[in-house]
């Protein structure tokens, strides 16, 4: 085919029916060829002709007047959806993601990743491509982590989650933590059951780790352990994001109970207030579950009071505030935060202002502003109070 062929064909369409017929012919040709990226441009070209817009830089909004921007945006979104769907139907998930990510509609690509992952066979070369798209490009992070766990093991999954944890949403963190808790719990349970049956042939075994280790301290003699202790440490740490409604939280308690029975050399200390790693986590998890709540609160209060320096005190206070807030004691959380965290306002995490508003303690916000000599915080406190009064 000569290079003039497209012009010849489209000129005929233009002469027969004007710009509208030319554009329809162009769009039909690109669909038939499967040239979907150019199809996206052609769909926008058609809208630009309809709106009388410049016919260059087709995808930009810079040359679209304000009064026509909304209509052009609607056409842009519709074109992205159409082209994205065509690419998905063609099995080109990565290319489809370009369009769905732009219009902030990840669900079609996430669904396609789910279907593709379900069809994978052992050693499938598509695994790496799906992991890159799902996790590193953000199309379906949890499925990406699941694929890593299934194909590369828990060690790689823990390392990857550590690296990307801050980029995940709170809900995605919960799902990732729950997945790892389930996997490690299963691995540890199987290992314990095997050890018990090797020691006493035919011994009855439970499906509960707590029951498997109860009254069996001999399982830990001589520094014995039944699962990689660094994996155990990491998974218990991740489990702090779980909520009471998550069934994996109860499993995390049992993992912490197991960890607390390990030889001391394998109980790696955490950051304050989790220096006594497994004991502290048992308190934290049990409090979330409504068990021995006062004991847990007092444990972490002591950690705040006994901290050796200001940084450790803030870390301990942050954990205590988080715990109090999550068990419905926002007033106490606000009082602790006012003393130790009043200067902390993370756009992606803890906000002292939000906590004070949630607890109905704007007085603490005003007091902190005066104590910190912070006019901006004072203005926020006064305006927040005014907004509340106006409602």
Protein backbone atom coordinates (compact mmCIF):
# COMPACT_ATOMS: atom_id res chain seq x y z
CA UNK A 1 0.00 0.00 0.00
CA UNK A 2 1.40 3.42 -0.90
CA UNK A 3 1.85 6.15 1.65
CA UNK A 4 -0.79 8.23 -0.13
CA UNK A 5 -3.46 5.57 0.18
CA UNK A 6 -4.93 6.84 3.46
CA UNK A 7 -5.15 10.37 2.08
CA UNK A 8 -6.79 9.13 -1.08
CA UNK A 9 -9.42 7.13 0.79
CA UNK A 10 -10.16 9.85 3.29
CA UNK A 11 -10.34 12.53 0.58
CA UNK A 12 -13.05 10.48 -1.08
CA UNK A 13 -14.97 10.34 2.20
CA UNK A 14 -14.55 14.09 2.68
CA UNK A 15 -15.85 14.82 -0.81
CA UNK A 16 -18.77 12.45 -0.36
CA UNK A 17 -19.98 13.59 3.05
CA UNK A 18 -17.81 16.34 4.48
CA UNK A 19 -15.70 16.31 7.67
CA UNK A 20 -18.15 14.12 9.56
CA UNK A 21 -17.95 11.29 7.03
CA UNK A 22 -14.16 11.64 6.82
CA UNK A 23 -13.85 11.27 10.57
CA UNK A 24 -16.22 8.31 10.68
CA UNK A 25 -14.19 6.63 7.94
CA UNK A 26 -10.95 7.33 9.83
CA UNK A 27 -12.32 5.88 13.05
CA UNK A 28 -13.63 2.79 11.25
CA UNK A 29 -10.26 2.19 9.56
CA UNK A 30 -8.35 2.46 12.83
CA UNK A 31 -10.75 0.10 14.59
CA UNK A 32 -10.39 -2.45 11.80
CA UNK A 33 -6.59 -2.21 11.93
CA UNK A 34 -6.54 -2.54 15.71
CA UNK A 35 -4.55 0.69 15.89
CA UNK A 36 -6.14 1.66 19.19
CA UNK A 37 -3.73 4.36 20.31
CA UNK A 38 -4.34 6.26 17.06
CA UNK A 39 -8.05 5.56 17.47
CA UNK A 40 -7.98 7.48 20.75
CA UNK A 41 -6.48 10.46 18.95
CA UNK A 42 -9.05 10.14 16.16
CA UNK A 43 -11.96 10.18 18.60
CA UNK A 44 -10.60 13.36 20.14
CA UNK A 45 -10.01 14.81 16.69
CA UNK A 46 -13.69 14.27 15.92
CA UNK A 47 -14.74 16.11 19.07
CA UNK A 48 -12.32 18.96 18.31
CA UNK A 49 -13.86 19.39 14.86
CA UNK A 50 -17.35 19.44 16.41
CA UNK A 51 -16.28 22.09 18.94
CA UNK A 52 -14.22 24.14 16.51
CA UNK A 53 -11.00 23.61 18.46
CA UNK A 54 -7.42 23.62 17.13
CA UNK A 55 -6.50 20.37 15.36
CA UNK A 56 -3.07 19.96 16.90
CA UNK A 57 -1.96 18.61 20.30
CA UNK A 58 -5.13 16.58 20.28
CA UNK A 59 -5.00 15.25 23.85
CA UNK A 60 -4.14 18.47 25.66
CA UNK A 61 -6.60 20.69 27.49
CA UNK A 62 -4.33 23.72 27.23
CA UNK A 63 -5.90 24.92 23.98
CA UNK A 64 -9.50 24.22 25.04
CA UNK A 65 -11.48 27.32 26.12
CA UNK A 66 -13.15 27.20 29.52
CA UNK A 67 -16.68 27.17 28.08
CA UNK A 68 -15.92 24.04 26.05
CA UNK A 69 -13.72 22.24 28.54
CA UNK A 70 -16.47 20.21 30.21
CA UNK A 71 -17.77 18.79 26.92
CA UNK A 72 -14.26 18.00 25.72
CA UNK A 73 -13.48 16.31 29.03
CA UNK A 74 -16.56 14.10 28.69
CA UNK A 75 -15.42 13.09 25.20
CA UNK A 76 -11.90 12.44 26.50
CA UNK A 77 -13.19 10.12 29.23
CA UNK A 78 -15.52 8.29 26.83
CA UNK A 79 -12.68 7.80 24.32
CA UNK A 80 -10.35 6.53 27.04
CA UNK A 81 -12.98 4.03 28.20
CA UNK A 82 -13.63 2.80 24.66
CA UNK A 83 -9.98 2.41 23.76
CA UNK A 84 -9.15 0.91 27.13
CA UNK A 85 -11.88 -1.71 26.68
CA UNK A 86 -10.68 -2.55 23.18
CA UNK A 87 -7.14 -3.02 24.47
CA UNK A 88 -8.38 -5.23 27.31
CA UNK A 89 -10.33 -7.33 24.82
CA UNK A 90 -7.12 -7.66 22.81
CA UNK A 91 -5.24 -8.86 25.90
CA UNK A 92 -3.09 -5.73 26.03
CA UNK A 93 -3.53 -5.01 29.73
CA UNK A 94 -0.51 -2.76 30.15
CA UNK A 95 -1.59 -0.51 27.27
CA UNK A 96 -5.18 -0.45 28.55
CA UNK A 97 -3.92 0.71 31.94
CA UNK A 98 -2.54 3.89 30.34
CA UNK A 99 -6.10 5.00 29.60
CA UNK A 100 -7.91 3.75 32.68
CA UNK A 101 -5.23 5.17 34.98
CA UNK A 102 -5.56 8.57 33.29
CA UNK A 103 -9.30 8.71 33.97
CA UNK A 104 -8.85 7.15 37.44
CA UNK A 105 -10.93 4.04 36.75
CA UNK A 106 -8.75 1.09 37.80
CA UNK A 107 -11.54 -1.46 38.15
CA UNK A 108 -11.66 -2.79 34.55
CA UNK A 109 -7.91 -3.44 34.55
CA UNK A 110 -8.02 -4.90 38.06
CA UNK A 111 -10.77 -7.30 36.93
CA UNK A 112 -8.70 -8.27 33.89
CA UNK A 113 -5.68 -8.92 36.10
CA UNK A 114 -7.83 -11.16 38.32
CA UNK A 115 -8.90 -13.20 35.30
CA UNK A 116 -5.38 -13.41 33.90
CA UNK A 117 -3.96 -14.45 37.28
CA UNK A 118 -6.56 -17.20 37.61
CA UNK A 119 -5.45 -18.70 34.30
CA UNK A 120 -1.73 -18.74 35.10
CA UNK A 121 0.07 -22.05 35.14
CA UNK A 122 3.27 -22.92 37.00
CA UNK A 123 6.26 -21.23 35.40
CA UNK A 124 4.05 -18.96 33.29
CA UNK A 125 6.11 -16.18 31.73
CA UNK A 126 3.28 -13.70 32.27
CA UNK A 127 3.77 -13.63 36.04
CA UNK A 128 6.42 -10.92 36.03
CA UNK A 129 4.44 -8.77 33.61
CA UNK A 130 1.31 -9.05 35.75
CA UNK A 131 3.23 -8.29 38.94
CA UNK A 132 4.74 -5.17 37.39
CA UNK A 133 1.36 -3.95 36.20
CA UNK A 134 -0.60 -4.90 39.30
CA UNK A 135 1.85 -3.81 41.98
CA UNK A 136 4.47 -1.44 40.66
CA UNK A 137 2.15 0.45 38.32
CA UNK A 138 -0.66 0.34 40.88
CA UNK A 139 -3.39 -1.35 38.85
CA UNK A 140 -4.16 -3.98 41.54
CA UNK A 141 -1.52 -3.94 44.31
CA UNK A 142 -2.99 -6.75 46.40
CA UNK A 143 -3.18 -9.13 43.46
CA UNK A 144 0.43 -8.23 42.66
CA UNK A 145 1.50 -9.16 46.18
CA UNK A 146 -0.57 -12.33 46.00
CA UNK A 147 1.20 -13.30 42.78
CA UNK A 148 4.58 -12.71 44.41
CA UNK A 149 3.55 -14.86 47.38
CA UNK A 150 2.26 -17.64 45.16
CA UNK A 151 5.20 -17.67 42.74
CA UNK A 152 8.21 -16.39 44.69
CA UNK A 153 7.43 -17.16 48.33
CA UNK A 154 6.81 -15.34 51.57
CA UNK A 155 10.33 -13.93 51.93
CA UNK A 156 10.09 -11.96 48.68
CA UNK A 157 6.57 -10.88 49.55
CA UNK A 158 7.61 -9.49 52.94
CA UNK A 159 10.52 -7.60 51.39
CA UNK A 160 8.28 -6.16 48.68
CA UNK A 161 5.55 -5.16 51.12
CA UNK A 162 8.10 -3.41 53.33
CA UNK A 163 9.21 -1.39 50.32
CA UNK A 164 5.75 -0.38 49.11
CA UNK A 165 3.81 -0.24 52.40
CA UNK A 166 3.70 3.55 52.53
CA UNK A 167 2.29 3.76 49.01
CA UNK A 168 -0.71 1.56 49.75
CA UNK A 169 -4.08 2.76 50.98
CA UNK A 170 -5.11 1.79 54.53
CA UNK A 171 -7.50 -0.82 53.11
CA UNK A 172 -4.78 -2.29 50.88
CA UNK A 173 -2.43 -2.48 53.86
CA UNK A 174 -5.07 -4.42 55.79
CA UNK A 175 -5.58 -6.84 52.92
CA UNK A 176 -1.83 -7.36 52.48
CA UNK A 177 -1.27 -7.91 56.19
CA UNK A 178 -4.20 -10.32 56.39
CA UNK A 179 -2.83 -12.33 53.46
CA UNK A 180 0.58 -12.70 55.09
CA UNK A 181 -0.91 -13.57 58.48
CA UNK A 182 -2.96 -16.34 56.89
CA UNK A 183 0.03 -17.72 55.02
CA UNK A 184 2.45 -17.66 57.94
CA UNK A 185 -0.17 -19.06 60.32
CA UNK A 186 -0.73 -21.97 57.95
CA UNK A 187 3.01 -22.59 57.55
CA UNK A 188 3.65 -22.46 61.29
CA UNK A 189 0.68 -24.66 62.14
CA UNK A 190 1.83 -27.31 59.68
CA UNK A 191 5.37 -27.21 61.05
CA UNK A 192 4.16 -27.52 64.65
CA UNK A 193 1.85 -30.40 63.81
CA UNK A 194 4.70 -32.24 62.12
CA UNK A 195 7.05 -31.67 65.08
CA UNK A 196 4.47 -32.91 67.59
CA UNK A 197 3.70 -36.04 65.59
CA UNK A 198 7.38 -36.77 65.10
CA UNK A 199 7.92 -36.65 68.85
CA UNK A 200 4.83 -38.70 69.73
CA UNK A 201 3.49 -40.88 66.95
CA UNK A 202 -0.28 -40.61 66.61
CA UNK A 203 -0.54 -37.65 68.99
CA UNK A 204 -3.75 -35.67 68.37
CA UNK A 205 -3.07 -32.29 66.82
CA UNK A 206 -5.18 -29.16 66.73
CA UNK A 207 -5.65 -26.62 63.96
CA UNK A 208 -5.03 -23.84 66.50
CA UNK A 209 -1.48 -22.68 67.14
CA UNK A 210 -2.47 -21.55 70.63
CA UNK A 211 -3.65 -25.07 71.44
CA UNK A 212 -0.67 -26.70 69.76
CA UNK A 213 1.83 -24.85 71.97
CA UNK A 214 -0.20 -24.84 75.19
CA UNK A 215 1.62 -26.93 77.79
CA UNK A 216 4.33 -27.89 75.31
CA UNK A 217 7.28 -25.70 76.26
CA UNK A 218 9.54 -28.58 75.27
CA UNK A 219 8.86 -27.64 71.64
CA UNK A 220 11.07 -24.58 72.17
CA UNK A 221 13.95 -26.23 74.03
CA UNK A 222 17.43 -25.75 72.68
CA UNK A 223 16.45 -22.71 70.65
CA UNK A 224 14.04 -24.67 68.47
CA UNK A 225 11.80 -22.70 66.14
CA UNK A 226 9.31 -23.83 63.52
CA UNK A 227 9.19 -20.95 61.06
CA UNK A 228 11.69 -18.33 59.91
CA UNK A 229 11.87 -15.99 62.91
CA UNK A 230 12.50 -12.89 60.79
CA UNK A 231 9.35 -13.67 58.81
CA UNK A 232 7.42 -14.05 62.05
CA UNK A 233 8.69 -10.69 63.30
CA UNK A 234 7.72 -8.92 60.08
CA UNK A 235 4.27 -10.44 59.78
CA UNK A 236 3.37 -9.65 63.39
CA UNK A 237 4.52 -6.06 62.80
CA UNK A 238 2.37 -5.77 59.67
CA UNK A 239 -0.62 -7.12 61.59
CA UNK A 240 -0.90 -3.90 63.60
CA UNK A 241 -2.98 -2.43 60.75
CA UNK A 242 -5.66 -5.12 61.15
CA UNK A 243 -9.04 -4.19 62.61
CA UNK A 244 -11.23 -6.15 65.06
CA UNK A 245 -13.51 -7.22 62.21
CA UNK A 246 -10.61 -8.95 60.47
CA UNK A 247 -10.54 -12.66 61.42
CA UNK A 248 -6.77 -12.61 60.90
CA UNK A 249 -6.35 -10.42 63.99
CA UNK A 250 -7.07 -13.40 66.24
CA UNK A 251 -4.53 -15.41 64.27
CA UNK A 252 -2.01 -12.61 64.81
CA UNK A 253 -2.52 -12.92 68.57
CA UNK A 254 -1.56 -16.59 68.34
CA UNK A 255 1.49 -15.77 66.23
CA UNK A 256 2.58 -13.31 68.91
CA UNK A 257 1.97 -15.92 71.61
CA UNK A 258 4.19 -18.34 69.71
CA UNK A 259 6.87 -15.67 69.28
CA UNK A 260 6.83 -14.96 73.00
CA UNK A 261 7.87 -18.56 73.70
CA UNK A 262 10.91 -18.48 71.43
CA UNK A 263 14.41 -18.39 72.84
CA UNK A 264 15.29 -14.77 73.70
CA UNK A 265 17.90 -14.63 70.96
CA UNK A 266 15.09 -14.96 68.41
CA UNK A 267 12.83 -12.31 69.92
CA UNK A 268 14.17 -9.32 68.04
CA UNK A 269 13.25 -6.00 69.67
CA UNK A 270 11.20 -3.48 67.72
CA UNK A 271 11.03 0.29 67.78
CA UNK A 272 9.52 1.88 70.91
CA UNK A 273 7.13 0.94 72.42
CA UNK A 274 7.61 -2.56 70.98
CA UNK A 275 11.02 -3.29 72.49
CA UNK A 276 9.55 -6.39 74.15
CA UNK A 277 8.26 -7.27 70.73
CA UNK A 278 5.80 -10.11 71.17
CA UNK A 279 4.51 -9.13 74.60
CA UNK A 280 3.77 -5.60 73.37
CA UNK A 281 2.00 -6.91 70.30
CA UNK A 282 -0.13 -9.27 72.36
CA UNK A 283 -1.28 -6.29 74.42
CA UNK A 284 -1.99 -4.26 71.29
CA UNK A 285 -3.88 -6.99 69.43
CA UNK A 286 -5.88 -8.10 72.46
CA UNK A 287 -6.97 -4.54 73.20
CA UNK A 288 -8.27 -4.18 69.64
CA UNK A 289 -10.25 -7.38 70.22
CA UNK A 290 -11.68 -6.02 73.49
CA UNK A 291 -9.59 -8.31 75.69
CA UNK A 292 -7.76 -6.99 78.76
CA UNK A 293 -8.13 -3.46 77.41
CA UNK A 294 -7.15 -1.57 80.57
CA UNK A 295 -4.08 -3.73 81.01
CA UNK A 296 -2.99 -2.88 77.47
CA UNK A 297 -3.67 0.84 77.85
CA UNK A 298 -1.67 0.97 81.07
CA UNK A 299 1.16 -0.97 79.43
CA UNK A 300 1.52 1.61 76.68
CA UNK A 301 1.02 4.53 79.08
CA UNK A 302 4.02 3.26 81.05
CA UNK A 303 5.99 3.05 77.82
CA UNK A 304 5.30 6.74 77.20
CA UNK A 305 6.26 7.71 80.74
CA UNK A 306 9.41 5.57 80.80
CA UNK A 307 10.76 6.58 77.38
CA UNK A 308 14.39 7.63 77.61
CA UNK A 309 14.27 10.53 75.14
CA UNK A 310 11.77 12.74 73.35
CA UNK A 311 11.82 10.79 70.09
CA UNK A 312 11.08 7.48 71.83
CA UNK A 313 8.38 9.21 73.87
CA UNK A 314 6.70 10.47 70.70
CA UNK A 315 6.85 7.03 69.11
CA UNK A 316 5.25 5.45 72.17
CA UNK A 317 2.64 8.21 72.36
CA UNK A 318 1.79 7.75 68.70
CA UNK A 319 1.06 4.05 69.27
CA UNK A 320 -0.99 4.76 72.39
CA UNK A 321 -3.01 7.44 70.61
CA UNK A 322 -3.63 5.09 67.69
CA UNK A 323 -4.78 2.33 70.02
CA UNK A 324 -7.08 4.60 72.06
CA UNK A 325 -8.61 6.03 68.93
CA UNK A 326 -9.27 2.61 67.43
CA UNK A 327 -10.97 1.29 70.58
CA UNK A 328 -13.29 4.30 70.70
CA UNK A 329 -11.53 6.39 73.35
CA UNK A 330 -10.81 9.48 71.26
CA UNK A 331 -11.02 11.86 74.22
CA UNK A 332 -8.12 10.13 75.99
CA UNK A 333 -6.28 9.92 72.68
CA UNK A 334 -6.61 13.67 72.19
CA UNK A 335 -5.29 14.37 75.69
CA UNK A 336 -2.21 12.22 75.10
CA UNK A 337 -1.68 13.77 71.67
CA UNK A 338 -1.97 17.29 73.07
CA UNK A 339 0.90 16.55 75.42
CA UNK A 340 3.21 14.77 73.00
CA UNK A 341 2.06 15.10 69.38
CA UNK A 342 0.52 18.55 69.02
CA UNK A 343 3.04 19.61 66.39
CA UNK A 344 2.47 16.53 64.24
CA UNK A 345 0.23 16.94 61.21
CA UNK A 346 0.99 14.40 58.48
CA UNK A 347 -1.06 14.95 55.28
CA UNK A 348 -1.10 11.17 54.77
CA UNK A 349 -1.36 10.03 58.37
CA UNK A 350 -1.92 11.38 61.87
CA UNK A 351 -3.49 14.82 62.24
CA UNK A 352 -3.74 16.45 65.66
CA UNK A 353 -6.37 18.83 64.28
CA UNK A 354 -8.52 15.96 63.02
CA UNK A 355 -8.21 14.10 66.31
CA UNK A 356 -9.28 17.14 68.35
CA UNK A 357 -12.26 17.71 66.06
CA UNK A 358 -13.20 14.02 66.22
CA UNK A 359 -13.01 14.02 70.02
CA UNK A 360 -14.84 17.34 70.37
CA UNK A 361 -11.78 18.77 72.14
CA UNK A 362 -11.06 22.01 70.30
CA UNK A 363 -9.99 23.40 73.66
CA UNK A 364 -6.93 21.16 73.47
CA UNK A 365 -6.17 22.48 69.99
CA UNK A 366 -6.35 26.08 71.20
CA UNK A 367 -4.20 25.34 74.24
CA UNK A 368 -1.60 23.61 72.09
CA UNK A 369 -1.50 26.58 69.71
CA UNK A 370 -0.73 28.92 72.61
CA UNK A 371 1.79 26.54 74.13
CA UNK A 372 3.55 26.12 70.79
CA UNK A 373 3.30 29.86 70.01
CA UNK A 374 1.79 28.81 66.68
CA UNK A 375 -0.51 31.45 65.13
CA UNK A 376 -1.45 29.18 62.21
CA UNK A 377 -2.59 26.43 64.58
CA UNK A 378 -4.48 29.05 66.59
CA UNK A 379 -6.27 30.28 63.47
CA UNK A 380 -7.20 26.71 62.52
CA UNK A 381 -8.54 26.10 66.03
CA UNK A 382 -10.69 29.24 66.02
CA UNK A 383 -11.99 28.68 62.49
CA UNK A 384 -12.75 25.02 63.23
CA UNK A 385 -14.75 26.06 66.28
CA UNK A 386 -16.58 28.67 64.19
CA UNK A 387 -17.42 26.10 61.51
CA UNK A 388 -18.79 23.75 64.15
CA UNK A 389 -20.93 26.53 65.61
CA UNK A 390 -22.34 27.48 62.19
CA UNK A 391 -23.63 23.96 61.50
